[in-house]
Amino acid sequence: MKVKVKTKKAAAKRFKKTGTGKLSRMKANKSHILNKKTTKRKRNLRKDALVDATSEKTMKKLLPYL
């Protein structure tokens, strides 16, 4: 009997797959204490980033069907 592999829901909410198969994520430090951060810094935090190669293998195990 084969066991289903479950997706880790916490990871599924945080990562999206790009067209090339890489994982994208949102940047941290954008939720509170924003008055001391410059406008430029806050603007750059809006953009999404790619998951680095060292973590990507682990993330893909957490997200088997993504």
C-alpha atoms as a PDB file:
ATOM      1  CA  MET A   1       0.000   0.000   0.000  1.00  0.00           C
ATOM      2  CA  LYS A   2       1.376   3.389  -1.004  1.00  0.00           C
ATOM      3  CA  VAL A   3       1.297   6.265   1.470  1.00  0.00           C
ATOM      4  CA  LYS A   4       0.280   9.730   0.300  1.00  0.00           C
ATOM      5  CA  VAL A   5       2.883  12.458   0.651  1.00  0.00           C
ATOM      6  CA  LYS A   6       1.363  15.459   2.379  1.00  0.00           C
ATOM      7  CA  THR A   7       2.172  19.046   1.460  1.00  0.00           C
ATOM      8  CA  LYS A   8       3.351  21.198   4.363  1.00  0.00           C
ATOM      9  CA  LYS A   9       0.668  23.887   4.341  1.00  0.00           C
ATOM     10  CA  ALA A  10       2.835  26.500   6.078  1.00  0.00           C
ATOM     11  CA  ALA A  11       5.344  26.243   3.234  1.00  0.00           C
ATOM     12  CA  ALA A  12       2.640  26.191   0.543  1.00  0.00           C
ATOM     13  CA  LYS A  13       1.373  29.576   1.727  1.00  0.00           C
ATOM     14  CA  ARG A  14       4.856  31.120   1.551  1.00  0.00           C
ATOM     15  CA  PHE A  15       6.308  29.861  -1.723  1.00  0.00           C
ATOM     16  CA  LYS A  16       5.253  29.938  -5.376  1.00  0.00           C
ATOM     17  CA  LYS A  17       6.827  28.189  -8.323  1.00  0.00           C
ATOM     18  CA  THR A  18       8.155  30.322 -11.174  1.00  0.00           C
ATOM     19  CA  GLY A  19       7.891  29.440 -14.845  1.00  0.00           C
ATOM     20  CA  THR A  20      11.406  27.976 -14.839  1.00  0.00           C
ATOM     21  CA  GLY A  21      10.650  25.750 -11.825  1.00  0.00           C
ATOM     22  CA  LYS A  22      12.442  27.801  -9.179  1.00  0.00           C
ATOM     23  CA  LEU A  23      10.747  28.873  -5.945  1.00  0.00           C
ATOM     24  CA  SER A  24       9.932  32.506  -5.210  1.00  0.00           C
ATOM     25  CA  ARG A  25       9.345  33.995  -1.776  1.00  0.00           C
ATOM     26  CA  MET A  26       8.494  37.361  -0.295  1.00  0.00           C
ATOM     27  CA  LYS A  27      11.147  39.314   1.585  1.00  0.00           C
ATOM     28  CA  ALA A  28      11.080  39.704   5.355  1.00  0.00           C
ATOM     29  CA  ASN A  29      11.015  42.885   7.513  1.00  0.00           C
ATOM     30  CA  LYS A  30       7.938  44.483   5.893  1.00  0.00           C
ATOM     31  CA  SER A  31       5.272  43.993   8.561  1.00  0.00           C
ATOM     32  CA  HIS A  32       5.953  46.502  11.351  1.00  0.00           C
ATOM     33  CA  ILE A  33       8.415  49.138  12.641  1.00  0.00           C
ATOM     34  CA  LEU A  34       8.325  50.747   9.205  1.00  0.00           C
ATOM     35  CA  ASN A  35       8.817  54.385  10.259  1.00  0.00           C
ATOM     36  CA  LYS A  36      12.587  53.995  10.762  1.00  0.00           C
ATOM     37  CA  LYS A  37      13.058  52.255   7.391  1.00  0.00           C
ATOM     38  CA  THR A  38      13.643  54.416   4.340  1.00  0.00           C
ATOM     39  CA  THR A  39      11.158  54.566   1.471  1.00  0.00           C
ATOM     40  CA  LYS A  40      13.719  53.015  -0.842  1.00  0.00           C
ATOM     41  CA  ARG A  41      14.274  50.113   1.536  1.00  0.00           C
ATOM     42  CA  LYS A  42      10.530  49.493   1.921  1.00  0.00           C
ATOM     43  CA  ARG A  43      10.046  49.643  -1.853  1.00  0.00           C
ATOM     44  CA  ASN A  44      12.757  47.020  -2.380  1.00  0.00           C
ATOM     45  CA  LEU A  45      11.170  44.778   0.269  1.00  0.00           C
ATOM     46  CA  ARG A  46       7.966  44.652  -1.810  1.00  0.00           C
ATOM     47  CA  LYS A  47       9.675  42.661  -4.555  1.00  0.00           C
ATOM     48  CA  ASP A  48       9.791  38.902  -4.342  1.00  0.00           C
ATOM     49  CA  ALA A  49      13.078  36.991  -4.218  1.00  0.00           C
ATOM     50  CA  LEU A  50      14.175  33.529  -5.278  1.00  0.00           C
ATOM     51  CA  VAL A  51      14.923  30.794  -2.766  1.00  0.00           C
ATOM     52  CA  ASP A  52      18.668  30.145  -2.758  1.00  0.00           C
ATOM     53  CA  ALA A  53      20.028  26.888  -4.162  1.00  0.00           C
ATOM     54  CA  THR A  54      21.023  25.482  -0.756  1.00  0.00           C
ATOM     55  CA  SER A  55      17.451  25.686   0.588  1.00  0.00           C
ATOM     56  CA  GLU A  56      15.610  24.811  -2.613  1.00  0.00           C
ATOM     57  CA  LYS A  57      16.080  21.042  -2.281  1.00  0.00           C
ATOM     58  CA  THR A  58      14.613  21.097   1.248  1.00  0.00           C
ATOM     59  CA  MET A  59      11.682  23.279   0.182  1.00  0.00           C
ATOM     60  CA  LYS A  60      10.823  20.975  -2.709  1.00  0.00           C
ATOM     61  CA  LYS A  61      10.572  18.067  -0.229  1.00  0.00           C
ATOM     62  CA  LEU A  62       8.049  20.099   1.789  1.00  0.00           C
ATOM     63  CA  LEU A  63       6.089  20.875  -1.386  1.00  0.00           C
ATOM     64  CA  PRO A  64       5.906  17.608  -3.339  1.00  0.00           C
ATOM     65  CA  TYR A  65       3.037  18.674  -5.633  1.00  0.00           C
ATOM     66  CA  LEU A  66       4.041  22.269  -6.291  1.00  0.00           C
END
